[in-house]
Amino acid sequence: EHGEQNFLRDKLLEAAFLEFMVLFNRACIAQPKAFITTAVYH
């Protein structure tokens, strides 16, 4: 986002966000116990 090369930057950023979200979802599915259960609430 802060680099000097502008050519097809939007496509590269879209691919990078897609990669992040795929990896994030895979981590959630593989590690269901990663969800924190120690919230404080009424």
Full PDB file with SEQRES, HELIX, SHEET, SSBOND, CRYST1, ORIGX, SCALE, CONECT and MASTER records, all heavy atoms in Angstrom:
SEQRES   1 A   42  GLU HIS GLY GLU GLN ASN PHE LEU ARG ASP LYS LEU LEU          
SEQRES   2 A   42  GLU ALA ALA PHE LEU GLU PHE MET VAL LEU PHE ASN ARG          
SEQRES   3 A   42  ALA CYS ILE ALA GLN PRO LYS ALA PHE ILE THR THR ALA          
SEQRES   4 A   42  VAL TYR HIS                                                  
HELIX    1 AA1 ARG A    9  ALA A   30  1                                  22    
HELIX    2 AA2 PRO A   32  ALA A   34  5                                   3    
CRYST1    1.000    1.000    1.000  90.00  90.00  90.00 P 1           1          
ORIGX1      1.000000  0.000000  0.000000        0.00000                         
ORIGX2      0.000000  1.000000  0.000000        0.00000                         
ORIGX3      0.000000  0.000000  1.000000        0.00000                         
SCALE1      1.000000  0.000000  0.000000        0.00000                         
SCALE2      0.000000  1.000000  0.000000        0.00000                         
SCALE3      0.000000  0.000000  1.000000        0.00000                         
ATOM      1  N   GLU A   1       0.819  -1.216   0.000  1.00  0.00           N  
ATOM      2  CA  GLU A   1       0.000   0.000   0.000  1.00  0.00           C  
ATOM      3  C   GLU A   1       0.851   1.263   0.000  1.00  0.00           C  
ATOM      4  O   GLU A   1       0.433   2.302  -0.509  1.00  0.00           O  
ATOM      5  CB  GLU A   1      -0.933   0.007   1.214  1.00  0.00           C  
ATOM      6  CG  GLU A   1      -2.112  -0.947   1.078  1.00  0.00           C  
ATOM      7  CD  GLU A   1      -3.107  -0.791   2.213  1.00  0.00           C  
ATOM      8  OE1 GLU A   1      -2.694  -0.365   3.317  1.00  0.00           O  
ATOM      9  OE2 GLU A   1      -4.296  -1.097   1.998  1.00  0.00           O  
ATOM     10  N   HIS A   2       2.053   1.180   0.544  1.00  0.00           N  
ATOM     11  CA  HIS A   2       2.912   2.366   0.639  1.00  0.00           C  
ATOM     12  C   HIS A   2       4.126   2.293  -0.292  1.00  0.00           C  
ATOM     13  O   HIS A   2       5.025   3.124  -0.204  1.00  0.00           O  
ATOM     14  CB  HIS A   2       3.373   2.550   2.091  1.00  0.00           C  
ATOM     15  CG  HIS A   2       2.249   2.889   3.024  1.00  0.00           C  
ATOM     16  ND1 HIS A   2       1.820   4.173   3.255  1.00  0.00           N  
ATOM     17  CD2 HIS A   2       1.434   2.090   3.750  1.00  0.00           C  
ATOM     18  CE1 HIS A   2       0.805   4.163   4.101  1.00  0.00           C  
ATOM     19  NE2 HIS A   2       0.552   2.908   4.412  1.00  0.00           N  
ATOM     20  N   GLY A   3       4.125   1.313  -1.171  1.00  0.00           N  
ATOM     21  CA  GLY A   3       5.237   1.173  -2.102  1.00  0.00           C  
ATOM     22  C   GLY A   3       5.154   2.154  -3.263  1.00  0.00           C  
ATOM     23  O   GLY A   3       4.145   2.837  -3.461  1.00  0.00           O  
ATOM     24  N   GLU A   4       6.192   2.204  -4.058  1.00  0.00           N  
ATOM     25  CA  GLU A   4       6.260   3.144  -5.178  1.00  0.00           C  
ATOM     26  C   GLU A   4       5.689   2.559  -6.466  1.00  0.00           C  
ATOM     27  O   GLU A   4       5.383   3.296  -7.402  1.00  0.00           O  
ATOM     28  CB  GLU A   4       7.719   3.574  -5.401  1.00  0.00           C  
ATOM     29  CG  GLU A   4       8.309   4.341  -4.217  1.00  0.00           C  
ATOM     30  CD  GLU A   4       9.744   4.775  -4.474  1.00  0.00           C  
ATOM     31  OE1 GLU A   4      10.269   4.462  -5.567  1.00  0.00           O  
ATOM     32  OE2 GLU A   4      10.331   5.423  -3.590  1.00  0.00           O  
ATOM     33  N   GLN A   5       5.553   1.238  -6.546  1.00  0.00           N  
ATOM     34  CA  GLN A   5       5.073   0.600  -7.765  1.00  0.00           C  
ATOM     35  C   GLN A   5       3.540   0.578  -7.776  1.00  0.00           C  
ATOM     36  O   GLN A   5       2.904   0.014  -6.889  1.00  0.00           O  
ATOM     37  CB  GLN A   5       5.606  -0.839  -7.833  1.00  0.00           C  
ATOM     38  CG  GLN A   5       5.120  -1.638  -9.019  1.00  0.00           C  
ATOM     39  CD  GLN A   5       5.502  -1.023 -10.347  1.00  0.00           C  
ATOM     40  OE1 GLN A   5       4.722  -0.259 -10.937  1.00  0.00           O  
ATOM     41  NE2 GLN A   5       6.704  -1.329 -10.819  1.00  0.00           N  
ATOM     42  N   ASN A   6       2.935   1.227  -8.778  1.00  0.00           N  
ATOM     43  CA  ASN A   6       1.482   1.332  -8.847  1.00  0.00           C  
ATOM     44  C   ASN A   6       0.840   0.341  -9.814  1.00  0.00           C  
ATOM     45  O   ASN A   6      -0.373   0.139  -9.764  1.00  0.00           O  
ATOM     46  CB  ASN A   6       1.079   2.753  -9.280  1.00  0.00           C  
ATOM     47  CG  ASN A   6       1.419   3.792  -8.226  1.00  0.00           C  
ATOM     48  OD1 ASN A   6       1.255   3.547  -7.033  1.00  0.00           O  
ATOM     49  ND2 ASN A   6       1.904   4.941  -8.669  1.00  0.00           N  
ATOM     50  N   PHE A   7       1.621  -0.267 -10.697  1.00  0.00           N  
ATOM     51  CA  PHE A   7       1.063  -1.121 -11.736  1.00  0.00           C  
ATOM     52  C   PHE A   7       0.293  -2.305 -11.135  1.00  0.00           C  
ATOM     53  O   PHE A   7       0.849  -3.120 -10.393  1.00  0.00           O  
ATOM     54  CB  PHE A   7       2.184  -1.634 -12.653  1.00  0.00           C  
ATOM     55  CG  PHE A   7       1.684  -2.501 -13.781  1.00  0.00           C  
ATOM     56  CD1 PHE A   7       1.000  -1.954 -14.853  1.00  0.00           C  
ATOM     57  CD2 PHE A   7       1.890  -3.874 -13.747  1.00  0.00           C  
ATOM     58  CE1 PHE A   7       0.544  -2.750 -15.886  1.00  0.00           C  
ATOM     59  CE2 PHE A   7       1.435  -4.684 -14.770  1.00  0.00           C  
ATOM     60  CZ  PHE A   7       0.750  -4.122 -15.852  1.00  0.00           C  
ATOM     61  N   LEU A   8      -1.017  -2.372 -11.419  1.00  0.00           N  
ATOM     62  CA  LEU A   8      -1.900  -3.445 -10.948  1.00  0.00           C  
ATOM     63  C   LEU A   8      -1.862  -3.630  -9.425  1.00  0.00           C  
ATOM     64  O   LEU A   8      -2.056  -4.731  -8.917  1.00  0.00           O  
ATOM     65  CB  LEU A   8      -1.561  -4.769 -11.645  1.00  0.00           C  
ATOM     66  CG  LEU A   8      -1.884  -4.837 -13.145  1.00  0.00           C  
ATOM     67  CD1 LEU A   8      -1.460  -6.178 -13.715  1.00  0.00           C  
ATOM     68  CD2 LEU A   8      -3.381  -4.612 -13.387  1.00  0.00           C  
ATOM     69  N   ARG A   9      -1.625  -2.530  -8.725  1.00  0.00           N  
ATOM     70  CA  ARG A   9      -1.570  -2.609  -7.264  1.00  0.00           C  
ATOM     71  C   ARG A   9      -2.882  -3.128  -6.689  1.00  0.00           C  
ATOM     72  O   ARG A   9      -2.890  -3.915  -5.732  1.00  0.00           O  
ATOM     73  CB  ARG A   9      -1.250  -1.243  -6.677  1.00  0.00           C  
ATOM     74  CG  ARG A   9      -1.383  -1.190  -5.143  1.00  0.00           C  
ATOM     75  CD  ARG A   9      -1.003   0.161  -4.596  1.00  0.00           C  
ATOM     76  NE  ARG A   9       0.420   0.358  -4.650  1.00  0.00           N  
ATOM     77  CZ  ARG A   9       1.021   1.542  -4.491  1.00  0.00           C  
ATOM     78  NH1 ARG A   9       0.275   2.623  -4.295  1.00  0.00           N  
ATOM     79  NH2 ARG A   9       2.324   1.653  -4.533  1.00  0.00           N  
ATOM     80  N   ASP A  10      -4.012  -2.694  -7.258  1.00  0.00           N  
ATOM     81  CA  ASP A  10      -5.301  -3.123  -6.726  1.00  0.00           C  
ATOM     82  C   ASP A  10      -5.469  -4.642  -6.789  1.00  0.00           C  
ATOM     83  O   ASP A  10      -6.000  -5.262  -5.871  1.00  0.00           O  
ATOM     84  CB  ASP A  10      -6.451  -2.425  -7.456  1.00  0.00           C  
ATOM     85  CG  ASP A  10      -6.436  -2.667  -8.963  1.00  0.00           C  
ATOM     86  OD1 ASP A  10      -5.351  -2.965  -9.518  1.00  0.00           O  
ATOM     87  OD2 ASP A  10      -7.510  -2.553  -9.593  1.00  0.00           O  
ATOM     88  N   LYS A  11      -4.967  -5.250  -7.873  1.00  0.00           N  
ATOM     89  CA  LYS A  11      -5.084  -6.704  -8.013  1.00  0.00           C  
ATOM     90  C   LYS A  11      -4.186  -7.435  -7.013  1.00  0.00           C  
ATOM     91  O   LYS A  11      -4.569  -8.451  -6.431  1.00  0.00           O  
ATOM     92  CB  LYS A  11      -4.722  -7.122  -9.437  1.00  0.00           C  
ATOM     93  CG  LYS A  11      -5.676  -6.602 -10.498  1.00  0.00           C  
ATOM     94  CD  LYS A  11      -7.084  -7.134 -10.269  1.00  0.00           C  
ATOM     95  CE  LYS A  11      -8.042  -6.664 -11.342  1.00  0.00           C  
ATOM     96  NZ  LYS A  11      -9.441  -7.111 -11.070  1.00  0.00           N  
ATOM     97  N   LEU A  12      -2.990  -6.896  -6.818  1.00  0.00           N  
ATOM     98  CA  LEU A  12      -2.069  -7.524  -5.874  1.00  0.00           C  
ATOM     99  C   LEU A  12      -2.591  -7.407  -4.446  1.00  0.00           C  
ATOM    100  O   LEU A  12      -2.507  -8.355  -3.652  1.00  0.00           O  
ATOM    101  CB  LEU A  12      -0.687  -6.885  -5.988  1.00  0.00           C  
ATOM    102  CG  LEU A  12       0.471  -7.628  -5.301  1.00  0.00           C  
ATOM    103  CD1 LEU A  12       0.581  -9.048  -5.834  1.00  0.00           C  
ATOM    104  CD2 LEU A  12       1.784  -6.880  -5.514  1.00  0.00           C  
ATOM    105  N   LEU A  13      -3.174  -6.246  -4.122  1.00  0.00           N  
ATOM    106  CA  LEU A  13      -3.736  -6.070  -2.790  1.00  0.00           C  
ATOM    107  C   LEU A  13      -4.936  -6.990  -2.573  1.00  0.00           C  
ATOM    108  O   LEU A  13      -5.089  -7.583  -1.505  1.00  0.00           O  
ATOM    109  CB  LEU A  13      -4.159  -4.605  -2.579  1.00  0.00           C  
ATOM    110  CG  LEU A  13      -3.028  -3.620  -2.313  1.00  0.00           C  
ATOM    111  CD1 LEU A  13      -3.562  -2.197  -2.288  1.00  0.00           C  
ATOM    112  CD2 LEU A  13      -2.335  -3.939  -0.986  1.00  0.00           C  
ATOM    113  N   GLU A  14      -5.773  -7.121  -3.587  1.00  0.00           N  
ATOM    114  CA  GLU A  14      -6.919  -8.025  -3.464  1.00  0.00           C  
ATOM    115  C   GLU A  14      -6.454  -9.461  -3.210  1.00  0.00           C  
ATOM    116  O   GLU A  14      -6.998 -10.170  -2.360  1.00  0.00           O  
ATOM    117  CB  GLU A  14      -7.783  -7.972  -4.722  1.00  0.00           C  
ATOM    118  CG  GLU A  14      -9.012  -8.872  -4.637  1.00  0.00           C  
ATOM    119  CD  GLU A  14      -9.897  -8.789  -5.867  1.00  0.00           C  
ATOM    120  OE1 GLU A  14      -9.488  -8.150  -6.853  1.00  0.00           O  
ATOM    121  OE2 GLU A  14     -11.001  -9.352  -5.828  1.00  0.00           O  
ATOM    122  N   ALA A  15      -5.414  -9.868  -3.943  1.00  0.00           N  
ATOM    123  CA  ALA A  15      -4.869 -11.216  -3.749  1.00  0.00           C  
ATOM    124  C   ALA A  15      -4.307 -11.382  -2.340  1.00  0.00           C  
ATOM    125  O   ALA A  15      -4.480 -12.434  -1.704  1.00  0.00           O  
ATOM    126  CB  ALA A  15      -3.783 -11.491  -4.786  1.00  0.00           C  
ATOM    127  N   ALA A  16      -3.657 -10.333  -1.825  1.00  0.00           N  
ATOM    128  CA  ALA A  16      -3.058 -10.413  -0.491  1.00  0.00           C  
ATOM    129  C   ALA A  16      -4.132 -10.475   0.598  1.00  0.00           C  
ATOM    130  O   ALA A  16      -4.003 -11.234   1.575  1.00  0.00           O  
ATOM    131  CB  ALA A  16      -2.146  -9.211  -0.265  1.00  0.00           C  
ATOM    132  N   PHE A  17      -5.205  -9.677   0.455  1.00  0.00           N  
ATOM    133  CA  PHE A  17      -6.300  -9.736   1.423  1.00  0.00           C  
ATOM    134  C   PHE A  17      -7.004 -11.087   1.365  1.00  0.00           C  
ATOM    135  O   PHE A  17      -7.394 -11.643   2.392  1.00  0.00           O  
ATOM    136  CB  PHE A  17      -7.296  -8.603   1.180  1.00  0.00           C  
ATOM    137  CG  PHE A  17      -6.928  -7.304   1.848  1.00  0.00           C  
ATOM    138  CD1 PHE A  17      -6.285  -6.306   1.153  1.00  0.00           C  
ATOM    139  CD2 PHE A  17      -7.226  -7.092   3.186  1.00  0.00           C  
ATOM    140  CE1 PHE A  17      -5.947  -5.108   1.757  1.00  0.00           C  
ATOM    141  CE2 PHE A  17      -6.889  -5.896   3.804  1.00  0.00           C  
ATOM    142  CZ  PHE A  17      -6.243  -4.903   3.100  1.00  0.00           C  
ATOM    143  N   LEU A  18      -7.177 -11.628   0.158  1.00  0.00           N  
ATOM    144  CA  LEU A  18      -7.767 -12.952   0.020  1.00  0.00           C  
ATOM    145  C   LEU A  18      -6.903 -14.008   0.712  1.00  0.00           C  
ATOM    146  O   LEU A  18      -7.414 -14.882   1.416  1.00  0.00           O  
ATOM    147  CB  LEU A  18      -7.944 -13.303  -1.461  1.00  0.00           C  
ATOM    148  CG  LEU A  18      -9.139 -12.685  -2.174  1.00  0.00           C  
ATOM    149  CD1 LEU A  18      -9.030 -12.897  -3.689  1.00  0.00           C  
ATOM    150  CD2 LEU A  18     -10.441 -13.306  -1.662  1.00  0.00           C  
ATOM    151  N   GLU A  19      -5.595 -13.898   0.515  1.00  0.00           N  
ATOM    152  CA  GLU A  19      -4.688 -14.851   1.162  1.00  0.00           C  
ATOM    153  C   GLU A  19      -4.814 -14.764   2.680  1.00  0.00           C  
ATOM    154  O   GLU A  19      -4.898 -15.796   3.372  1.00  0.00           O  
ATOM    155  CB  GLU A  19      -3.241 -14.581   0.745  1.00  0.00           C  
ATOM    156  CG  GLU A  19      -2.242 -15.539   1.399  1.00  0.00           C  
ATOM    157  CD  GLU A  19      -0.794 -15.184   1.104  1.00  0.00           C  
ATOM    158  OE1 GLU A  19      -0.550 -14.153   0.439  1.00  0.00           O  
ATOM    159  OE2 GLU A  19       0.091 -15.933   1.564  1.00  0.00           O  
ATOM    160  N   PHE A  20      -4.833 -13.538   3.196  1.00  0.00           N  
ATOM    161  CA  PHE A  20      -4.954 -13.369   4.645  1.00  0.00           C  
ATOM    162  C   PHE A  20      -6.238 -14.010   5.154  1.00  0.00           C  
ATOM    163  O   PHE A  20      -6.231 -14.755   6.145  1.00  0.00           O  
ATOM    164  CB  PHE A  20      -4.934 -11.883   5.019  1.00  0.00           C  
ATOM    165  CG  PHE A  20      -5.225 -11.641   6.478  1.00  0.00           C  
ATOM    166  CD1 PHE A  20      -4.219 -11.745   7.427  1.00  0.00           C  
ATOM    167  CD2 PHE A  20      -6.514 -11.337   6.896  1.00  0.00           C  
ATOM    168  CE1 PHE A  20      -4.492 -11.549   8.776  1.00  0.00           C  
ATOM    169  CE2 PHE A  20      -6.800 -11.147   8.244  1.00  0.00           C  
ATOM    170  CZ  PHE A  20      -5.791 -11.253   9.178  1.00  0.00           C  
ATOM    171  N   MET A  21      -7.362 -13.744   4.481  1.00  0.00           N  
ATOM    172  CA  MET A  21      -8.642 -14.251   4.957  1.00  0.00           C  
ATOM    173  C   MET A  21      -8.734 -15.773   4.841  1.00  0.00           C  
ATOM    174  O   MET A  21      -9.328 -16.430   5.704  1.00  0.00           O  
ATOM    175  CB  MET A  21      -9.797 -13.587   4.207  1.00  0.00           C  
ATOM    176  CG  MET A  21     -10.040 -12.129   4.595  1.00  0.00           C  
ATOM    177  SD  MET A  21     -10.210 -11.887   6.389  1.00  0.00           S  
ATOM    178  CE  MET A  21     -11.541 -13.021   6.799  1.00  0.00           C  
ATOM    179  N   VAL A  22      -8.166 -16.344   3.793  1.00  0.00           N  
ATOM    180  CA  VAL A  22      -8.173 -17.809   3.665  1.00  0.00           C  
ATOM    181  C   VAL A  22      -7.354 -18.431   4.791  1.00  0.00           C  
ATOM    182  O   VAL A  22      -7.792 -19.383   5.452  1.00  0.00           O  
ATOM    183  CB  VAL A  22      -7.642 -18.240   2.283  1.00  0.00           C  
ATOM    184  CG1 VAL A  22      -7.417 -19.752   2.248  1.00  0.00           C  
ATOM    185  CG2 VAL A  22      -8.615 -17.837   1.177  1.00  0.00           C  
ATOM    186  N   LEU A  23      -6.154 -17.892   5.034  1.00  0.00           N  
ATOM    187  CA  LEU A  23      -5.315 -18.411   6.115  1.00  0.00           C  
ATOM    188  C   LEU A  23      -5.975 -18.224   7.475  1.00  0.00           C  
ATOM    189  O   LEU A  23      -5.891 -19.101   8.346  1.00  0.00           O  
ATOM    190  CB  LEU A  23      -3.943 -17.731   6.097  1.00  0.00           C  
ATOM    191  CG  LEU A  23      -3.037 -18.046   4.905  1.00  0.00           C  
ATOM    192  CD1 LEU A  23      -1.747 -17.235   4.994  1.00  0.00           C  
ATOM    193  CD2 LEU A  23      -2.727 -19.534   4.838  1.00  0.00           C  
ATOM    194  N   PHE A  24      -6.625 -17.088   7.650  1.00  0.00           N  
ATOM    195  CA  PHE A  24      -7.286 -16.806   8.929  1.00  0.00           C  
ATOM    196  C   PHE A  24      -8.423 -17.800   9.173  1.00  0.00           C  
ATOM    197  O   PHE A  24      -8.559 -18.359  10.267  1.00  0.00           O  
ATOM    198  CB  PHE A  24      -7.815 -15.372   8.940  1.00  0.00           C  
ATOM    199  CG  PHE A  24      -8.310 -14.923  10.283  1.00  0.00           C  
ATOM    200  CD1 PHE A  24      -7.431 -14.401  11.215  1.00  0.00           C  
ATOM    201  CD2 PHE A  24      -9.652 -15.034  10.627  1.00  0.00           C  
ATOM    202  CE1 PHE A  24      -7.884 -13.995  12.465  1.00  0.00           C  
ATOM    203  CE2 PHE A  24     -10.111 -14.640  11.866  1.00  0.00           C  
ATOM    204  CZ  PHE A  24      -9.225 -14.118  12.790  1.00  0.00           C  
ATOM    205  N   ASN A  25      -9.234 -18.024   8.149  1.00  0.00           N  
ATOM    206  CA  ASN A  25     -10.333 -18.982   8.287  1.00  0.00           C  
ATOM    207  C   ASN A  25      -9.814 -20.397   8.525  1.00  0.00           C  
ATOM    208  O   ASN A  25     -10.372 -21.150   9.328  1.00  0.00           O  
ATOM    209  CB  ASN A  25     -11.224 -18.940   7.047  1.00  0.00           C  
ATOM    210  CG  ASN A  25     -12.257 -17.833   7.104  1.00  0.00           C  
ATOM    211  OD1 ASN A  25     -13.259 -17.947   7.799  1.00  0.00           O  
ATOM    212  ND2 ASN A  25     -12.006 -16.755   6.372  1.00  0.00           N  
ATOM    213  N   ARG A  26      -8.764 -20.764   7.819  1.00  0.00           N  
ATOM    214  CA  ARG A  26      -8.192 -22.098   8.029  1.00  0.00           C  
ATOM    215  C   ARG A  26      -7.694 -22.267   9.465  1.00  0.00           C  
ATOM    216  O   ARG A  26      -7.862 -23.330  10.073  1.00  0.00           O  
ATOM    217  CB  ARG A  26      -7.046 -22.331   7.045  1.00  0.00           C  
ATOM    218  CG  ARG A  26      -7.505 -22.575   5.609  1.00  0.00           C  
ATOM    219  CD  ARG A  26      -6.320 -22.839   4.702  1.00  0.00           C  
ATOM    220  NE  ARG A  26      -6.737 -23.197   3.347  1.00  0.00           N  
ATOM    221  CZ  ARG A  26      -5.903 -23.505   2.354  1.00  0.00           C  
ATOM    222  NH1 ARG A  26      -4.585 -23.486   2.577  1.00  0.00           N  
ATOM    223  NH2 ARG A  26      -6.364 -23.816   1.163  1.00  0.00           N  
ATOM    224  N   ALA A  27      -7.101 -21.208  10.010  1.00  0.00           N  
ATOM    225  CA  ALA A  27      -6.611 -21.269  11.391  1.00  0.00           C  
ATOM    226  C   ALA A  27      -7.779 -21.423  12.370  1.00  0.00           C  
ATOM    227  O   ALA A  27      -7.702 -22.183  13.340  1.00  0.00           O  
ATOM    228  CB  ALA A  27      -5.799 -20.023  11.726  1.00  0.00           C  
ATOM    229  N   CYS A  28      -8.882 -20.716  12.104  1.00  0.00           N  
ATOM    230  CA  CYS A  28     -10.070 -20.830  12.962  1.00  0.00           C  
ATOM    231  C   CYS A  28     -10.624 -22.251  12.935  1.00  0.00           C  
ATOM    232  O   CYS A  28     -11.008 -22.808  13.973  1.00  0.00           O  
ATOM    233  CB  CYS A  28     -11.151 -19.850  12.513  1.00  0.00           C  
ATOM    234  SG  CYS A  28     -10.775 -18.112  12.814  1.00  0.00           S  
ATOM    235  N   ILE A  29     -10.690 -22.836  11.732  1.00  0.00           N  
ATOM    236  CA  ILE A  29     -11.238 -24.184  11.578  1.00  0.00           C  
ATOM    237  C   ILE A  29     -10.317 -25.225  12.222  1.00  0.00           C  
ATOM    238  O   ILE A  29     -10.776 -26.157  12.888  1.00  0.00           O  
ATOM    239  CB  ILE A  29     -11.464 -24.494  10.088  1.00  0.00           C  
ATOM    240  CG1 ILE A  29     -12.564 -23.587   9.527  1.00  0.00           C  
ATOM    241  CG2 ILE A  29     -11.818 -25.966   9.878  1.00  0.00           C  
ATOM    242  CD1 ILE A  29     -12.662 -23.589   8.012  1.00  0.00           C  
ATOM    243  N   ALA A  30      -9.008 -25.041  12.043  1.00  0.00           N  
ATOM    244  CA  ALA A  30      -8.046 -26.010  12.583  1.00  0.00           C  
ATOM    245  C   ALA A  30      -7.880 -25.882  14.098  1.00  0.00           C  
ATOM    246  O   ALA A  30      -7.524 -26.859  14.762  1.00  0.00           O  
ATOM    247  CB  ALA A  30      -6.688 -25.821  11.899  1.00  0.00           C  
ATOM    248  N   GLN A  31      -8.133 -24.671  14.638  1.00  0.00           N  
ATOM    249  CA  GLN A  31      -7.915 -24.438  16.072  1.00  0.00           C  
ATOM    250  C   GLN A  31      -9.174 -23.851  16.728  1.00  0.00           C  
ATOM    251  O   GLN A  31      -9.175 -22.693  17.153  1.00  0.00           O  
ATOM    252  CB  GLN A  31      -6.743 -23.477  16.271  1.00  0.00           C  
ATOM    253  CG  GLN A  31      -5.421 -23.944  15.662  1.00  0.00           C  
ATOM    254  CD  GLN A  31      -4.326 -22.916  15.820  1.00  0.00           C  
ATOM    255  OE1 GLN A  31      -4.050 -22.423  16.916  1.00  0.00           O  
ATOM    256  NE2 GLN A  31      -3.683 -22.581  14.716  1.00  0.00           N  
ATOM    257  N   PRO A  32     -10.254 -24.617  16.811  1.00  0.00           N  
ATOM    258  CA  PRO A  32     -11.483 -24.071  17.403  1.00  0.00           C  
ATOM    259  C   PRO A  32     -11.303 -23.642  18.854  1.00  0.00           C  
ATOM    260  O   PRO A  32     -12.033 -22.762  19.337  1.00  0.00           O  
ATOM    261  CB  PRO A  32     -12.475 -25.245  17.286  1.00  0.00           C  
ATOM    262  CG  PRO A  32     -11.619 -26.466  17.138  1.00  0.00           C  
ATOM    263  CD  PRO A  32     -10.400 -26.020  16.383  1.00  0.00           C  
ATOM    264  N   LYS A  33     -10.323 -24.218  19.546  1.00  0.00           N  
ATOM    265  CA  LYS A  33     -10.083 -23.831  20.934  1.00  0.00           C  
ATOM    266  C   LYS A  33      -9.329 -22.507  21.045  1.00  0.00           C  
ATOM    267  O   LYS A  33      -9.075 -22.028  22.159  1.00  0.00           O  
ATOM    268  CB  LYS A  33      -9.325 -24.935  21.666  1.00  0.00           C  
ATOM    269  CG  LYS A  33     -10.148 -26.201  21.862  1.00  0.00           C  
ATOM    270  CD  LYS A  33      -9.406 -27.237  22.692  1.00  0.00           C  
ATOM    271  CE  LYS A  33     -10.262 -28.477  22.916  1.00  0.00           C  
ATOM    272  NZ  LYS A  33      -9.548 -29.505  23.720  1.00  0.00           N  
ATOM    273  N   ALA A  34      -8.981 -21.918  19.896  1.00  0.00           N  
ATOM    274  CA  ALA A  34      -8.311 -20.615  19.919  1.00  0.00           C  
ATOM    275  C   ALA A  34      -9.265 -19.504  20.339  1.00  0.00           C  
ATOM    276  O   ALA A  34      -8.830 -18.428  20.765  1.00  0.00           O  
ATOM    277  CB  ALA A  34      -7.716 -20.295  18.544  1.00  0.00           C  
ATOM    278  N   PHE A  35     -10.571 -19.742  20.222  1.00  0.00           N  
ATOM    279  CA  PHE A  35     -11.537 -18.735  20.661  1.00  0.00           C  
ATOM    280  C   PHE A  35     -11.474 -18.602  22.178  1.00  0.00           C  
ATOM    281  O   PHE A  35     -11.627 -19.578  22.917  1.00  0.00           O  
ATOM    282  CB  PHE A  35     -12.958 -19.129  20.232  1.00  0.00           C  
ATOM    283  CG  PHE A  35     -13.246 -18.898  18.781  1.00  0.00           C  
ATOM    284  CD1 PHE A  35     -13.056 -19.909  17.858  1.00  0.00           C  
ATOM    285  CD2 PHE A  35     -13.699 -17.666  18.331  1.00  0.00           C  
ATOM    286  CE1 PHE A  35     -13.319 -19.706  16.506  1.00  0.00           C  
ATOM    287  CE2 PHE A  35     -13.962 -17.447  16.989  1.00  0.00           C  
ATOM    288  CZ  PHE A  35     -13.773 -18.470  16.071  1.00  0.00           C  
ATOM    289  N   ILE A  36     -11.226 -17.376  22.644  1.00  0.00           N  
ATOM    290  CA  ILE A  36     -11.064 -17.096  24.065  1.00  0.00           C  
ATOM    291  C   ILE A  36     -12.418 -17.187  24.781  1.00  0.00           C  
ATOM    292  O   ILE A  36     -13.404 -16.590  24.336  1.00  0.00           O  
ATOM    293  CB  ILE A  36     -10.460 -15.696  24.269  1.00  0.00           C  
ATOM    294  CG1 ILE A  36      -9.112 -15.567  23.547  1.00  0.00           C  
ATOM    295  CG2 ILE A  36     -10.317 -15.378  25.755  1.00  0.00           C  
ATOM    296  CD1 ILE A  36      -8.056 -16.518  24.035  1.00  0.00           C  
ATOM    297  N   THR A  37     -12.457 -17.911  25.880  1.00  0.00           N  
ATOM    298  CA  THR A  37     -13.711 -18.100  26.622  1.00  0.00           C  
ATOM    299  C   THR A  37     -13.697 -17.403  27.982  1.00  0.00           C  
ATOM    300  O   THR A  37     -14.539 -17.674  28.829  1.00  0.00           O  
ATOM    301  CB  THR A  37     -13.979 -19.602  26.835  1.00  0.00           C  
ATOM    302  OG1 THR A  37     -12.890 -20.173  27.569  1.00  0.00           O  
ATOM    303  CG2 THR A  37     -14.130 -20.331  25.510  1.00  0.00           C  
ATOM    304  N   THR A  38     -12.743 -16.480  28.170  1.00  0.00           N  
ATOM    305  CA  THR A  38     -12.585 -15.849  29.484  1.00  0.00           C  
ATOM    306  C   THR A  38     -13.139 -14.428  29.523  1.00  0.00           C  
ATOM    307  O   THR A  38     -12.714 -13.621  30.346  1.00  0.00           O  
ATOM    308  CB  THR A  38     -11.099 -15.832  29.885  1.00  0.00           C  
ATOM    309  OG1 THR A  38     -10.333 -15.179  28.861  1.00  0.00           O  
ATOM    310  CG2 THR A  38     -10.572 -17.236  30.082  1.00  0.00           C  
ATOM    311  N   ALA A  39     -14.075 -14.115  28.640  1.00  0.00           N  
ATOM    312  CA  ALA A  39     -14.669 -12.780  28.648  1.00  0.00           C  
ATOM    313  C   ALA A  39     -15.425 -12.556  29.954  1.00  0.00           C  
ATOM    314  O   ALA A  39     -15.973 -13.482  30.555  1.00  0.00           O  
ATOM    315  CB  ALA A  39     -15.619 -12.620  27.468  1.00  0.00           C  
ATOM    316  N   VAL A  40     -15.464 -11.296  30.387  1.00  0.00           N  
ATOM    317  CA  VAL A  40     -16.220 -10.906  31.575  1.00  0.00           C  
ATOM    318  C   VAL A  40     -17.542 -10.311  31.112  1.00  0.00           C  
ATOM    319  O   VAL A  40     -17.566  -9.434  30.245  1.00  0.00           O  
ATOM    320  CB  VAL A  40     -15.436  -9.873  32.414  1.00  0.00           C  
ATOM    321  CG1 VAL A  40     -16.272  -9.388  33.594  1.00  0.00           C  
ATOM    322  CG2 VAL A  40     -14.117 -10.473  32.892  1.00  0.00           C  
ATOM    323  N   TYR A  41     -18.651 -10.789  31.678  1.00  0.00           N  
ATOM    324  CA  TYR A  41     -19.950 -10.268  31.264  1.00  0.00           C  
ATOM    325  C   TYR A  41     -21.021 -10.631  32.270  1.00  0.00           C  
ATOM    326  O   TYR A  41     -20.861 -11.553  33.080  1.00  0.00           O  
ATOM    327  CB  TYR A  41     -20.332 -10.786  29.885  1.00  0.00           C  
ATOM    328  CG  TYR A  41     -20.452 -12.296  29.778  1.00  0.00           C  
ATOM    329  CD1 TYR A  41     -21.679 -12.940  29.904  1.00  0.00           C  
ATOM    330  CD2 TYR A  41     -19.322 -13.088  29.540  1.00  0.00           C  
ATOM    331  CE1 TYR A  41     -21.780 -14.310  29.803  1.00  0.00           C  
ATOM    332  CE2 TYR A  41     -19.422 -14.464  29.438  1.00  0.00           C  
ATOM    333  CZ  TYR A  41     -20.648 -15.077  29.569  1.00  0.00           C  
ATOM    334  OH  TYR A  41     -20.748 -16.441  29.472  1.00  0.00           O  
ATOM    335  N   HIS A  42     -22.114  -9.874  32.207  1.00  0.00           N  
ATOM    336  CA  HIS A  42     -23.294 -10.156  33.014  1.00  0.00           C  
ATOM    337  C   HIS A  42     -24.157 -11.117  32.213  1.00  0.00           C  
ATOM    338  O   HIS A  42     -24.679 -10.765  31.153  1.00  0.00           O  
ATOM    339  CB  HIS A  42     -24.044  -8.850  33.289  1.00  0.00           C  
ATOM    340  CG  HIS A  42     -25.130  -8.964  34.308  1.00  0.00           C  
ATOM    341  ND1 HIS A  42     -26.194  -9.838  34.180  1.00  0.00           N  
ATOM    342  CD2 HIS A  42     -25.321  -8.309  35.496  1.00  0.00           C  
ATOM    343  CE1 HIS A  42     -27.001  -9.711  35.215  1.00  0.00           C  
ATOM    344  NE2 HIS A  42     -26.483  -8.809  36.030  1.00  0.00           N  
TER     345      HIS A  42                                                      
MASTER        0    0    0    2    0    0    0    6  344    1    0    4          
END                                                                             
